[in-house]
Amino acid sequence: RSVSMTVTTIGPWAKAHKILKSGMKPVYRELGRAWREEARFLQSELKKGIESQAPGGQQFKPLAQTTLAIRRFLGYRGTKALLWHRNLLRAIKVTPEGRAGSSSYKVFVGIHRSVRNPQGKSLYMIGMTHENGSKEIVVRITPRMRRFLGAVFFQAGKYANESVDKPWWLHKAKSNGVIVIRIPARPVFQPIWNRHARFVGARITANLNHALQGTLAGSGP
């Protein structure tokens, strides 16, 4: 006894067959593209966060008045943190690593350890310092530094009343020759990740589905 059946295909089966015949290469290619698109989105959010001074909605601690006075003395009028030379902003890169679709493929978003500013300092380490805050930093006040600070505060009009207007640490420097400073945390990466982490997988999946539907779309076999 035999049974006969009629199968009717609906949709672009010829294209689907071609994709399946070629293996998973189109899927891997589109997956890599979806990852890179998400990475570029996060890169944009990181830069916007620095520009707005509130990455992920977490407001930066304002710069100290001493820092602003030094900036004005050196000819820079901006009051935003991490934007004096914009080196950190430019250093945030998207870098694909490995072959798309392989188990080793990944897309890096951030500041590479090898990147340095024009003075030769590691922008990665500078970024980490601002992300987490610094430990106490002991700075020895040299005569040259004291003259510079004197000029800074003279220009700022801070010496009208020496006993009140000088920074406390400048008074301290006169007694023991050193100051102890601490850079406050102004995190960028963690607040952005906290805001977007739960949506990353869904966005990548949505972009991948959209791309694959576009690959299969057509007028017919």
N, C-alpha and C. Protein backbone atom coordinates (compact mmCIF):
# COMPACT_ATOMS: atom_id res chain seq x y z
N ARG A 1 0.83 -1.19 0.00
CA ARG A 1 0.00 0.00 0.00
C ARG A 1 0.87 1.24 0.00
N SER A 2 0.54 2.17 -0.82
CA SER A 2 1.35 3.39 -0.90
C SER A 2 0.49 4.61 -0.63
N VAL A 3 1.17 5.66 -0.17
CA VAL A 3 0.51 6.93 0.13
C VAL A 3 1.21 8.03 -0.64
N SER A 4 0.47 8.82 -1.35
CA SER A 4 1.07 9.93 -2.09
C SER A 4 0.69 11.25 -1.43
N MET A 5 1.63 12.22 -1.46
CA MET A 5 1.40 13.52 -0.84
C MET A 5 1.85 14.62 -1.79
N THR A 6 1.22 15.71 -1.68
CA THR A 6 1.62 16.88 -2.46
C THR A 6 2.10 17.96 -1.49
N VAL A 7 3.30 18.43 -1.70
CA VAL A 7 3.88 19.46 -0.83
C VAL A 7 3.96 20.76 -1.61
N THR A 8 3.41 21.79 -1.03
CA THR A 8 3.48 23.12 -1.64
C THR A 8 4.36 24.02 -0.78
N THR A 9 5.38 24.56 -1.38
CA THR A 9 6.28 25.47 -0.64
C THR A 9 5.76 26.89 -0.73
N ILE A 10 5.88 27.60 0.38
CA ILE A 10 5.44 28.99 0.45
C ILE A 10 6.62 29.84 0.90
N GLY A 11 6.91 30.89 0.16
CA GLY A 11 8.01 31.76 0.53
C GLY A 11 9.25 31.49 -0.31
N PRO A 12 10.32 32.21 -0.03
CA PRO A 12 11.54 32.13 -0.85
C PRO A 12 12.40 30.92 -0.51
N TRP A 13 11.89 29.74 -0.80
CA TRP A 13 12.62 28.53 -0.45
C TRP A 13 13.91 28.35 -1.23
N ALA A 14 13.95 28.86 -2.42
CA ALA A 14 15.19 28.74 -3.19
C ALA A 14 16.33 29.49 -2.50
N LYS A 15 16.00 30.68 -2.01
CA LYS A 15 17.02 31.46 -1.30
C LYS A 15 17.36 30.79 0.03
N ALA A 16 16.35 30.28 0.70
CA ALA A 16 16.59 29.60 1.97
C ALA A 16 17.48 28.37 1.76
N HIS A 17 17.21 27.63 0.69
CA HIS A 17 18.02 26.46 0.38
C HIS A 17 19.46 26.86 0.09
N LYS A 18 19.63 27.96 -0.60
CA LYS A 18 20.97 28.43 -0.93
C LYS A 18 21.73 28.79 0.34
N ILE A 19 21.04 29.46 1.28
CA ILE A 19 21.68 29.84 2.53
C ILE A 19 22.06 28.61 3.34
N LEU A 20 21.12 27.66 3.44
CA LEU A 20 21.40 26.45 4.20
C LEU A 20 22.52 25.64 3.55
N LYS A 21 22.55 25.64 2.22
CA LYS A 21 23.59 24.90 1.50
C LYS A 21 24.96 25.49 1.77
N SER A 22 25.01 26.81 1.92
CA SER A 22 26.29 27.47 2.14
C SER A 22 26.71 27.41 3.60
N GLY A 23 25.91 26.74 4.42
CA GLY A 23 26.26 26.60 5.82
C GLY A 23 25.82 27.80 6.63
N MET A 24 26.52 28.04 7.71
CA MET A 24 26.15 29.10 8.64
C MET A 24 26.88 30.41 8.37
N LYS A 25 27.57 30.53 7.26
CA LYS A 25 28.36 31.73 7.00
C LYS A 25 27.53 33.01 7.03
N PRO A 26 26.36 33.03 6.38
CA PRO A 26 25.57 34.27 6.45
C PRO A 26 25.13 34.62 7.87
N VAL A 27 24.80 33.59 8.66
CA VAL A 27 24.38 33.83 10.04
C VAL A 27 25.55 34.40 10.84
N TYR A 28 26.74 33.80 10.68
CA TYR A 28 27.91 34.30 11.38
C TYR A 28 28.23 35.73 10.96
N ARG A 29 28.12 35.99 9.67
CA ARG A 29 28.41 37.34 9.17
C ARG A 29 27.45 38.36 9.77
N GLU A 30 26.18 38.04 9.79
CA GLU A 30 25.19 38.97 10.34
C GLU A 30 25.29 39.08 11.85
N LEU A 31 25.67 37.99 12.49
CA LEU A 31 25.84 38.04 13.94
C LEU A 31 27.00 38.98 14.30
N GLY A 32 28.10 38.86 13.56
CA GLY A 32 29.22 39.77 13.78
C GLY A 32 28.83 41.22 13.55
N ARG A 33 28.02 41.43 12.52
CA ARG A 33 27.55 42.79 12.22
C ARG A 33 26.65 43.31 13.34
N ALA A 34 25.80 42.44 13.88
CA ALA A 34 24.92 42.86 14.98
C ALA A 34 25.73 43.20 16.23
N TRP A 35 26.77 42.43 16.50
CA TRP A 35 27.63 42.73 17.65
C TRP A 35 28.31 44.08 17.46
N ARG A 36 28.83 44.31 16.26
CA ARG A 36 29.54 45.57 16.01
C ARG A 36 28.59 46.76 16.10
N GLU A 37 27.36 46.58 15.63
CA GLU A 37 26.36 47.65 15.72
C GLU A 37 26.05 47.96 17.18
N GLU A 38 25.93 46.95 18.01
CA GLU A 38 25.68 47.17 19.43
C GLU A 38 26.88 47.84 20.09
N ALA A 39 28.07 47.42 19.69
CA ALA A 39 29.28 48.02 20.25
C ALA A 39 29.37 49.51 19.90
N ARG A 40 29.03 49.85 18.67
CA ARG A 40 29.05 51.27 18.27
C ARG A 40 27.99 52.07 19.04
N PHE A 41 26.86 51.44 19.32
CA PHE A 41 25.84 52.12 20.13
C PHE A 41 26.37 52.41 21.53
N LEU A 42 27.02 51.42 22.16
CA LEU A 42 27.57 51.62 23.49
C LEU A 42 28.69 52.65 23.48
N GLN A 43 29.50 52.64 22.43
CA GLN A 43 30.54 53.66 22.29
C GLN A 43 29.93 55.05 22.27
N SER A 44 28.85 55.20 21.51
CA SER A 44 28.17 56.49 21.43
C SER A 44 27.61 56.90 22.80
N GLU A 45 27.05 55.94 23.53
CA GLU A 45 26.49 56.24 24.85
C GLU A 45 27.59 56.65 25.84
N LEU A 46 28.74 56.00 25.75
CA LEU A 46 29.86 56.36 26.62
C LEU A 46 30.31 57.80 26.36
N LYS A 47 30.43 58.15 25.09
CA LYS A 47 30.88 59.51 24.76
C LYS A 47 29.83 60.54 25.13
N LYS A 48 28.57 60.22 24.90
CA LYS A 48 27.49 61.14 25.30
C LYS A 48 27.49 61.33 26.82
N GLY A 49 27.78 60.25 27.55
CA GLY A 49 27.80 60.32 29.00
C GLY A 49 28.86 61.28 29.51
N ILE A 50 30.05 61.24 28.88
CA ILE A 50 31.11 62.17 29.27
C ILE A 50 30.73 63.60 28.91
N GLU A 51 30.18 63.78 27.73
CA GLU A 51 29.78 65.12 27.29
C GLU A 51 28.72 65.71 28.21
N SER A 52 27.77 64.88 28.64
CA SER A 52 26.67 65.37 29.48
C SER A 52 27.07 65.45 30.95
N GLN A 53 28.23 64.82 31.30
CA GLN A 53 28.70 64.75 32.69
C GLN A 53 27.79 63.91 33.58
N ALA A 54 26.96 63.07 32.97
CA ALA A 54 26.06 62.20 33.74
C ALA A 54 25.86 60.88 33.02
N PRO A 55 26.92 60.07 32.85
CA PRO A 55 26.76 58.79 32.15
C PRO A 55 25.80 57.86 32.88
N GLY A 56 24.88 57.30 32.13
CA GLY A 56 23.89 56.41 32.74
C GLY A 56 23.02 57.09 33.77
N GLY A 57 22.94 58.42 33.70
CA GLY A 57 22.14 59.17 34.66
C GLY A 57 22.85 59.46 35.97
N GLN A 58 24.13 59.06 36.09
CA GLN A 58 24.89 59.27 37.32
C GLN A 58 25.76 60.52 37.17
N GLN A 59 25.40 61.57 37.88
CA GLN A 59 26.06 62.86 37.72
C GLN A 59 27.49 62.83 38.24
N PHE A 60 28.42 63.42 37.46
CA PHE A 60 29.80 63.56 37.91
C PHE A 60 29.88 64.50 39.10
N LYS A 61 30.84 64.24 39.97
CA LYS A 61 31.15 65.20 41.03
C LYS A 61 31.80 66.42 40.38
N PRO A 62 31.37 67.64 40.71
CA PRO A 62 31.95 68.84 40.08
C PRO A 62 33.44 68.95 40.35
N LEU A 63 34.15 69.60 39.44
CA LEU A 63 35.57 69.84 39.63
C LEU A 63 35.79 70.81 40.79
N ALA A 64 36.89 70.64 41.48
CA ALA A 64 37.23 71.52 42.59
C ALA A 64 37.53 72.92 42.07
N GLN A 65 37.28 73.91 42.90
CA GLN A 65 37.55 75.30 42.51
C GLN A 65 39.03 75.51 42.21
N THR A 66 39.90 74.79 42.91
CA THR A 66 41.33 74.87 42.63
C THR A 66 41.63 74.42 41.21
N THR A 67 41.03 73.31 40.82
CA THR A 67 41.23 72.79 39.46
C THR A 67 40.74 73.79 38.42
N LEU A 68 39.59 74.39 38.66
CA LEU A 68 39.05 75.37 37.72
C LEU A 68 39.93 76.60 37.64
N ALA A 69 40.51 77.01 38.77
CA ALA A 69 41.41 78.17 38.77
C ALA A 69 42.65 77.89 37.94
N ILE A 70 43.19 76.68 38.08
CA ILE A 70 44.38 76.30 37.29
C ILE A 70 44.03 76.26 35.81
N ARG A 71 42.86 75.73 35.48
CA ARG A 71 42.43 75.69 34.09
C ARG A 71 42.34 77.09 33.50
N ARG A 72 41.71 78.01 34.24
CA ARG A 72 41.57 79.38 33.73
C ARG A 72 42.93 80.04 33.55
N PHE A 73 43.84 79.77 34.48
CA PHE A 73 45.18 80.34 34.39
C PHE A 73 45.89 79.85 33.13
N LEU A 74 45.64 78.61 32.75
CA LEU A 74 46.27 78.02 31.57
C LEU A 74 45.48 78.29 30.28
N GLY A 75 44.42 79.07 30.39
CA GLY A 75 43.70 79.49 29.19
C GLY A 75 42.54 78.62 28.78
N TYR A 76 42.13 77.70 29.66
CA TYR A 76 41.01 76.82 29.32
C TYR A 76 39.82 77.21 30.18
N ARG A 77 38.70 77.55 29.55
CA ARG A 77 37.54 78.06 30.27
C ARG A 77 36.51 76.98 30.59
N GLY A 78 36.66 75.81 30.07
CA GLY A 78 35.68 74.76 30.30
C GLY A 78 35.62 74.33 31.76
N THR A 79 34.46 73.89 32.17
CA THR A 79 34.26 73.47 33.56
C THR A 79 33.91 71.98 33.67
N LYS A 80 33.90 71.26 32.56
CA LYS A 80 33.51 69.85 32.58
C LYS A 80 34.71 68.95 32.86
N ALA A 81 34.45 67.86 33.57
CA ALA A 81 35.49 66.88 33.87
C ALA A 81 35.75 65.98 32.65
N LEU A 82 36.98 65.51 32.54
CA LEU A 82 37.42 64.53 31.53
C LEU A 82 37.37 65.08 30.10
N LEU A 83 37.23 66.39 29.95
CA LEU A 83 37.09 66.94 28.59
C LEU A 83 38.11 68.03 28.27
N TRP A 84 39.11 68.22 29.12
CA TRP A 84 40.05 69.31 28.88
C TRP A 84 40.71 69.14 27.51
N HIS A 85 41.34 68.01 27.29
CA HIS A 85 42.00 67.76 26.00
C HIS A 85 41.22 66.78 25.12
N ARG A 86 40.14 66.23 25.66
CA ARG A 86 39.27 65.28 24.94
C ARG A 86 40.01 64.00 24.55
N ASN A 87 41.13 63.73 25.19
CA ASN A 87 41.90 62.53 24.86
C ASN A 87 41.14 61.26 25.22
N LEU A 88 40.50 61.25 26.39
CA LEU A 88 39.74 60.06 26.79
C LEU A 88 38.57 59.81 25.85
N LEU A 89 37.93 60.89 25.44
CA LEU A 89 36.79 60.77 24.53
C LEU A 89 37.21 60.11 23.22
N ARG A 90 38.31 60.58 22.67
CA ARG A 90 38.79 60.03 21.40
C ARG A 90 39.33 58.61 21.54
N ALA A 91 39.74 58.26 22.75
CA ALA A 91 40.36 56.95 22.95
C ALA A 91 39.35 55.81 23.05
N ILE A 92 38.07 56.12 23.22
CA ILE A 92 37.06 55.06 23.32
C ILE A 92 36.78 54.51 21.93
N LYS A 93 37.21 53.29 21.70
CA LYS A 93 37.16 52.68 20.37
C LYS A 93 36.34 51.40 20.36
N VAL A 94 35.89 51.05 19.16
CA VAL A 94 35.26 49.75 18.91
C VAL A 94 36.23 48.93 18.07
N THR A 95 36.62 47.77 18.57
CA THR A 95 37.63 46.95 17.88
C THR A 95 37.18 45.50 17.80
N PRO A 96 36.79 45.01 16.61
CA PRO A 96 36.49 43.58 16.46
C PRO A 96 37.76 42.76 16.60
N GLU A 97 37.67 41.63 17.26
CA GLU A 97 38.83 40.77 17.47
C GLU A 97 38.45 39.33 17.12
N GLY A 98 39.23 38.71 16.24
CA GLY A 98 38.95 37.35 15.83
C GLY A 98 38.06 37.30 14.59
N ARG A 99 37.66 36.10 14.20
CA ARG A 99 36.83 35.89 13.01
C ARG A 99 35.37 35.76 13.42
N ALA A 100 34.52 36.54 12.77
CA ALA A 100 33.09 36.51 13.09
C ALA A 100 32.56 35.09 12.96
N GLY A 101 31.85 34.63 13.98
CA GLY A 101 31.29 33.28 13.98
C GLY A 101 32.14 32.26 14.70
N SER A 102 33.42 32.58 14.92
CA SER A 102 34.28 31.65 15.64
C SER A 102 34.07 31.82 17.14
N SER A 103 34.49 30.82 17.89
CA SER A 103 34.31 30.88 19.35
C SER A 103 35.17 31.97 19.98
N SER A 104 36.19 32.43 19.27
CA SER A 104 37.09 33.46 19.82
C SER A 104 36.68 34.87 19.42
N TYR A 105 35.61 35.00 18.63
CA TYR A 105 35.23 36.32 18.14
C TYR A 105 34.65 37.17 19.26
N LYS A 106 35.07 38.41 19.34
CA LYS A 106 34.52 39.36 20.30
C LYS A 106 34.71 40.77 19.76
N VAL A 107 33.97 41.68 20.32
CA VAL A 107 34.07 43.08 19.92
C VAL A 107 34.38 43.89 21.17
N PHE A 108 35.52 44.54 21.15
CA PHE A 108 35.98 45.33 22.29
C PHE A 108 35.44 46.74 22.20
N VAL A 109 34.92 47.26 23.32
CA VAL A 109 34.47 48.65 23.41
C VAL A 109 35.17 49.27 24.61
N GLY A 110 35.98 50.26 24.38
CA GLY A 110 36.66 50.89 25.50
C GLY A 110 37.99 51.50 25.11
N ILE A 111 38.88 51.61 26.07
CA ILE A 111 40.19 52.22 25.86
C ILE A 111 41.26 51.14 25.95
N HIS A 112 42.02 50.98 24.91
CA HIS A 112 43.06 49.95 24.89
C HIS A 112 44.21 50.32 25.84
N ARG A 113 44.83 49.31 26.41
CA ARG A 113 45.93 49.53 27.33
C ARG A 113 47.12 50.24 26.68
N SER A 114 47.26 50.09 25.39
CA SER A 114 48.44 50.64 24.70
C SER A 114 48.30 52.12 24.34
N VAL A 115 47.10 52.68 24.47
CA VAL A 115 46.87 54.06 24.03
C VAL A 115 47.43 55.04 25.05
N ARG A 116 48.14 56.04 24.54
CA ARG A 116 48.75 57.04 25.41
C ARG A 116 48.40 58.45 24.94
N ASN A 117 48.45 59.38 25.87
CA ASN A 117 48.20 60.77 25.50
C ASN A 117 49.47 61.41 24.96
N PRO A 118 49.42 62.64 24.48
CA PRO A 118 50.63 63.26 23.90
C PRO A 118 51.80 63.36 24.87
N GLN A 119 51.53 63.32 26.18
CA GLN A 119 52.60 63.36 27.17
C GLN A 119 53.16 61.98 27.49
N GLY A 120 52.62 60.96 26.82
CA GLY A 120 53.12 59.61 27.00
C GLY A 120 52.49 58.83 28.13
N LYS A 121 51.46 59.38 28.78
CA LYS A 121 50.80 58.69 29.88
C LYS A 121 49.71 57.77 29.36
N SER A 122 49.51 56.65 30.05
CA SER A 122 48.53 55.66 29.63
C SER A 122 47.11 56.19 29.83
N LEU A 123 46.36 56.29 28.75
CA LEU A 123 44.97 56.73 28.85
C LEU A 123 44.11 55.65 29.51
N TYR A 124 44.52 54.41 29.38
CA TYR A 124 43.81 53.33 30.07
C TYR A 124 43.89 53.53 31.58
N MET A 125 45.09 53.81 32.08
CA MET A 125 45.27 54.00 33.51
C MET A 125 44.60 55.28 33.99
N ILE A 126 44.63 56.32 33.17
CA ILE A 126 43.93 57.55 33.53
C ILE A 126 42.43 57.30 33.63
N GLY A 127 41.91 56.55 32.64
CA GLY A 127 40.49 56.21 32.66
C GLY A 127 40.12 55.38 33.88
N MET A 128 40.97 54.41 34.25
CA MET A 128 40.71 53.58 35.42
C MET A 128 40.72 54.41 36.71
N THR A 129 41.65 55.38 36.77
CA THR A 129 41.72 56.24 37.95
C THR A 129 40.44 57.02 38.13
N HIS A 130 39.91 57.58 37.04
CA HIS A 130 38.68 58.35 37.13
C HIS A 130 37.47 57.43 37.33
N GLU A 131 37.52 56.23 36.78
CA GLU A 131 36.40 55.30 36.93
C GLU A 131 36.22 54.88 38.39
N ASN A 132 37.33 54.63 39.08
CA ASN A 132 37.27 54.08 40.43
C ASN A 132 37.67 55.06 41.52
N GLY A 133 38.22 56.20 41.12
CA GLY A 133 38.81 57.10 42.11
C GLY A 133 40.21 56.64 42.46
N SER A 134 41.02 57.54 42.96
CA SER A 134 42.40 57.19 43.28
C SER A 134 42.60 56.97 44.77
N LYS A 135 43.67 56.32 45.10
CA LYS A 135 44.12 56.28 46.48
C LYS A 135 44.74 57.64 46.80
N GLU A 136 45.16 57.82 48.03
CA GLU A 136 45.81 59.07 48.39
C GLU A 136 47.12 59.21 47.62
N ILE A 137 47.32 60.38 47.04
CA ILE A 137 48.52 60.67 46.26
C ILE A 137 49.31 61.75 47.00
N VAL A 138 50.54 61.43 47.35
CA VAL A 138 51.39 62.38 48.07
C VAL A 138 52.20 63.16 47.04
N VAL A 139 52.08 64.47 47.05
CA VAL A 139 52.79 65.33 46.10
C VAL A 139 53.71 66.27 46.88
N ARG A 140 54.97 66.27 46.54
CA ARG A 140 55.91 67.18 47.20
C ARG A 140 55.88 68.54 46.49
N ILE A 141 55.68 69.58 47.25
CA ILE A 141 55.61 70.92 46.70
C ILE A 141 57.02 71.46 46.50
N THR A 142 57.37 71.71 45.25
CA THR A 142 58.66 72.29 44.92
C THR A 142 58.55 73.81 44.87
N PRO A 143 59.67 74.52 44.93
CA PRO A 143 59.60 75.98 44.80
C PRO A 143 58.94 76.42 43.50
N ARG A 144 59.21 75.71 42.42
CA ARG A 144 58.59 76.06 41.14
C ARG A 144 57.08 75.88 41.20
N MET A 145 56.63 74.80 41.82
CA MET A 145 55.20 74.56 41.95
C MET A 145 54.55 75.63 42.82
N ARG A 146 55.25 76.02 43.88
CA ARG A 146 54.69 77.03 44.76
C ARG A 146 54.52 78.37 44.03
N ARG A 147 55.51 78.70 43.20
CA ARG A 147 55.42 79.95 42.41
C ARG A 147 54.26 79.88 41.42
N PHE A 148 54.11 78.71 40.81
CA PHE A 148 53.00 78.53 39.86
C PHE A 148 51.66 78.69 40.55
N LEU A 149 51.49 78.03 41.69
CA LEU A 149 50.23 78.13 42.42
C LEU A 149 49.98 79.55 42.92
N GLY A 150 51.05 80.21 43.30
CA GLY A 150 50.91 81.60 43.71
C GLY A 150 50.37 82.46 42.59
N ALA A 151 50.90 82.23 41.37
CA ALA A 151 50.43 82.99 40.21
C ALA A 151 48.98 82.65 39.88
N VAL A 152 48.64 81.37 40.02
CA VAL A 152 47.26 80.94 39.75
C VAL A 152 46.28 81.68 40.65
N PHE A 153 46.56 81.67 41.94
CA PHE A 153 45.61 82.26 42.89
C PHE A 153 45.68 83.78 42.92
N PHE A 154 46.82 84.32 42.53
CA PHE A 154 46.88 85.78 42.41
C PHE A 154 45.96 86.23 41.27
N GLN A 155 46.05 85.54 40.14
CA GLN A 155 45.18 85.87 39.01
C GLN A 155 43.72 85.67 39.36
N ALA A 156 43.44 84.64 40.14
CA ALA A 156 42.06 84.35 40.50
C ALA A 156 41.53 85.29 41.58
N GLY A 157 42.40 86.18 42.06
CA GLY A 157 41.97 87.11 43.09
C GLY A 157 41.81 86.46 44.44
N LYS A 158 42.57 85.39 44.68
CA LYS A 158 42.39 84.61 45.90
C LYS A 158 43.27 85.09 47.05
N TYR A 159 44.17 86.04 46.80
CA TYR A 159 45.07 86.44 47.86
C TYR A 159 44.66 87.74 48.54
N ALA A 160 43.43 88.19 48.34
CA ALA A 160 42.96 89.39 49.00
C ALA A 160 43.02 89.21 50.52
N ASN A 161 42.74 88.02 50.98
CA ASN A 161 42.80 87.71 52.41
C ASN A 161 43.52 86.37 52.54
N GLU A 162 44.81 86.41 52.77
CA GLU A 162 45.64 85.21 52.73
C GLU A 162 45.19 84.16 53.73
N SER A 163 44.74 84.59 54.90
CA SER A 163 44.41 83.63 55.94
C SER A 163 43.15 82.84 55.64
N VAL A 164 42.34 83.36 54.70
CA VAL A 164 41.07 82.70 54.41
C VAL A 164 41.07 82.07 53.03
N ASP A 165 41.57 82.79 52.03
CA ASP A 165 41.34 82.40 50.65
C ASP A 165 42.32 81.39 50.09
N LYS A 166 43.45 81.19 50.73
CA LYS A 166 44.36 80.17 50.23
C LYS A 166 43.77 78.79 50.46
N PRO A 167 43.99 77.86 49.53
CA PRO A 167 43.51 76.49 49.75
C PRO A 167 44.16 75.91 51.00
N TRP A 168 43.43 75.08 51.70
CA TRP A 168 43.95 74.50 52.94
C TRP A 168 45.23 73.72 52.70
N TRP A 169 45.30 73.07 51.51
CA TRP A 169 46.48 72.25 51.27
C TRP A 169 47.72 73.09 50.97
N LEU A 170 47.51 74.34 50.55
CA LEU A 170 48.66 75.21 50.34
C LEU A 170 49.22 75.66 51.69
N HIS A 171 48.34 75.86 52.67
CA HIS A 171 48.81 76.13 54.03
C HIS A 171 49.59 74.94 54.57
N LYS A 172 49.04 73.74 54.31
CA LYS A 172 49.68 72.53 54.81
C LYS A 172 51.05 72.35 54.17
N ALA A 173 51.15 72.70 52.89
CA ALA A 173 52.42 72.54 52.19
C ALA A 173 53.52 73.37 52.83
N LYS A 174 53.16 74.50 53.41
CA LYS A 174 54.17 75.35 54.03
C LYS A 174 54.78 74.67 55.26
N SER A 175 54.00 73.81 55.90
CA SER A 175 54.49 73.22 57.14
C SER A 175 55.32 71.96 56.90
N ASN A 176 54.93 71.12 55.95
CA ASN A 176 55.66 69.87 55.77
C ASN A 176 56.14 69.61 54.35
N GLY A 177 55.83 70.52 53.41
CA GLY A 177 56.37 70.41 52.07
C GLY A 177 55.66 69.43 51.16
N VAL A 178 54.58 68.81 51.62
CA VAL A 178 53.84 67.89 50.77
C VAL A 178 52.35 68.14 50.92
N ILE A 179 51.60 67.70 49.90
CA ILE A 179 50.15 67.69 49.99
C ILE A 179 49.67 66.29 49.66
N VAL A 180 48.53 65.95 50.18
CA VAL A 180 47.92 64.65 49.91
C VAL A 180 46.58 64.90 49.21
N ILE A 181 46.48 64.39 48.00
CA ILE A 181 45.25 64.61 47.24
C ILE A 181 44.64 63.26 46.87
N ARG A 182 43.37 63.30 46.56
CA ARG A 182 42.67 62.09 46.11
C ARG A 182 41.71 62.47 44.99
N ILE A 183 41.83 61.78 43.86
CA ILE A 183 40.95 62.04 42.72
C ILE A 183 39.63 61.31 42.96
N PRO A 184 38.50 62.03 42.98
CA PRO A 184 37.22 61.36 43.24
C PRO A 184 36.80 60.49 42.05
N ALA A 185 36.03 59.47 42.32
CA ALA A 185 35.53 58.60 41.25
C ALA A 185 34.51 59.36 40.40
N ARG A 186 34.72 59.29 39.10
CA ARG A 186 33.75 59.80 38.14
C ARG A 186 33.53 58.69 37.11
N PRO A 187 32.79 57.64 37.50
CA PRO A 187 32.66 56.46 36.63
C PRO A 187 31.87 56.76 35.36
N VAL A 188 32.31 56.15 34.28
CA VAL A 188 31.66 56.27 32.97
C VAL A 188 31.16 54.91 32.51
N PHE A 189 32.03 53.93 32.49
CA PHE A 189 31.71 52.62 31.92
C PHE A 189 30.69 51.85 32.75
N GLN A 190 30.87 51.85 34.08
CA GLN A 190 29.96 51.07 34.91
C GLN A 190 28.53 51.59 34.86
N PRO A 191 28.29 52.91 34.98
CA PRO A 191 26.91 53.40 34.87
C PRO A 191 26.26 53.10 33.53
N ILE A 192 27.04 53.22 32.45
CA ILE A 192 26.49 52.92 31.12
C ILE A 192 26.14 51.43 31.03
N TRP A 193 27.02 50.58 31.53
CA TRP A 193 26.75 49.14 31.48
C TRP A 193 25.55 48.78 32.35
N ASN A 194 25.46 49.40 33.53
CA ASN A 194 24.33 49.12 34.41
C ASN A 194 23.01 49.47 33.74
N ARG A 195 23.02 50.54 32.97
CA ARG A 195 21.78 50.98 32.31
C ARG A 195 21.42 50.09 31.13
N HIS A 196 22.40 49.60 30.40
CA HIS A 196 22.12 48.92 29.13
C HIS A 196 22.32 47.41 29.14
N ALA A 197 22.94 46.86 30.17
CA ALA A 197 23.31 45.44 30.15
C ALA A 197 22.13 44.52 29.86
N ARG A 198 21.01 44.77 30.47
CA ARG A 198 19.87 43.85 30.31
C ARG A 198 19.23 43.94 28.94
N PHE A 199 19.58 44.97 28.16
CA PHE A 199 18.99 45.14 26.83
C PHE A 199 19.93 44.72 25.70
N VAL A 200 21.20 44.47 26.04
CA VAL A 200 22.19 44.19 24.99
C VAL A 200 21.81 42.96 24.19
N GLY A 201 21.52 41.84 24.88
CA GLY A 201 21.18 40.60 24.18
C GLY A 201 19.95 40.74 23.31
N ALA A 202 18.95 41.45 23.81
CA ALA A 202 17.71 41.63 23.04
C ALA A 202 17.96 42.46 21.80
N ARG A 203 18.79 43.50 21.91
CA ARG A 203 19.07 44.34 20.74
C ARG A 203 19.87 43.57 19.69
N ILE A 204 20.84 42.78 20.14
CA ILE A 204 21.62 41.98 19.19
C ILE A 204 20.72 40.98 18.49
N THR A 205 19.85 40.32 19.24
CA THR A 205 18.92 39.35 18.64
C THR A 205 17.98 40.01 17.66
N ALA A 206 17.46 41.18 18.01
CA ALA A 206 16.55 41.89 17.11
C ALA A 206 17.26 42.31 15.83
N ASN A 207 18.48 42.81 15.96
CA ASN A 207 19.25 43.21 14.77
C ASN A 207 19.57 42.00 13.90
N LEU A 208 19.90 40.87 14.54
CA LEU A 208 20.20 39.65 13.79
C LEU A 208 18.96 39.15 13.06
N ASN A 209 17.83 39.11 13.75
CA ASN A 209 16.58 38.66 13.11
C ASN A 209 16.21 39.54 11.93
N HIS A 210 16.36 40.84 12.12
CA HIS A 210 16.04 41.77 11.04
C HIS A 210 16.94 41.54 9.84
N ALA A 211 18.24 41.34 10.11
CA ALA A 211 19.18 41.14 9.02
C ALA A 211 18.90 39.84 8.27
N LEU A 212 18.58 38.77 9.00
CA LEU A 212 18.34 37.49 8.35
C LEU A 212 17.02 37.50 7.58
N GLN A 213 16.02 38.21 8.09
CA GLN A 213 14.77 38.34 7.33
C GLN A 213 15.01 39.09 6.05
N GLY A 214 15.88 40.08 6.13
CA GLY A 214 16.23 40.80 4.90
C GLY A 214 16.95 39.93 3.91
N THR A 215 17.75 39.01 4.43
CA THR A 215 18.48 38.10 3.54
C THR A 215 17.52 37.14 2.82
N LEU A 216 16.48 36.72 3.56
CA LEU A 216 15.53 35.76 2.99
C LEU A 216 14.44 36.43 2.16
N ALA A 217 14.27 37.73 2.31
CA ALA A 217 13.18 38.41 1.63
C ALA A 217 13.40 38.42 0.12
N GLY A 218 12.35 38.37 -0.58
CA GLY A 218 12.45 38.42 -2.03
C GLY A 218 11.08 38.29 -2.66
N SER A 219 11.03 38.38 -3.96
CA SER A 219 9.75 38.33 -4.65
C SER A 219 9.26 36.91 -4.86
N GLY A 220 10.16 35.94 -4.64
CA GLY A 220 9.72 34.56 -4.82
C GLY A 220 10.86 33.71 -5.31
N PRO A 221 10.67 32.39 -5.39
CA PRO A 221 11.75 31.49 -5.85
C PRO A 221 12.08 31.72 -7.31
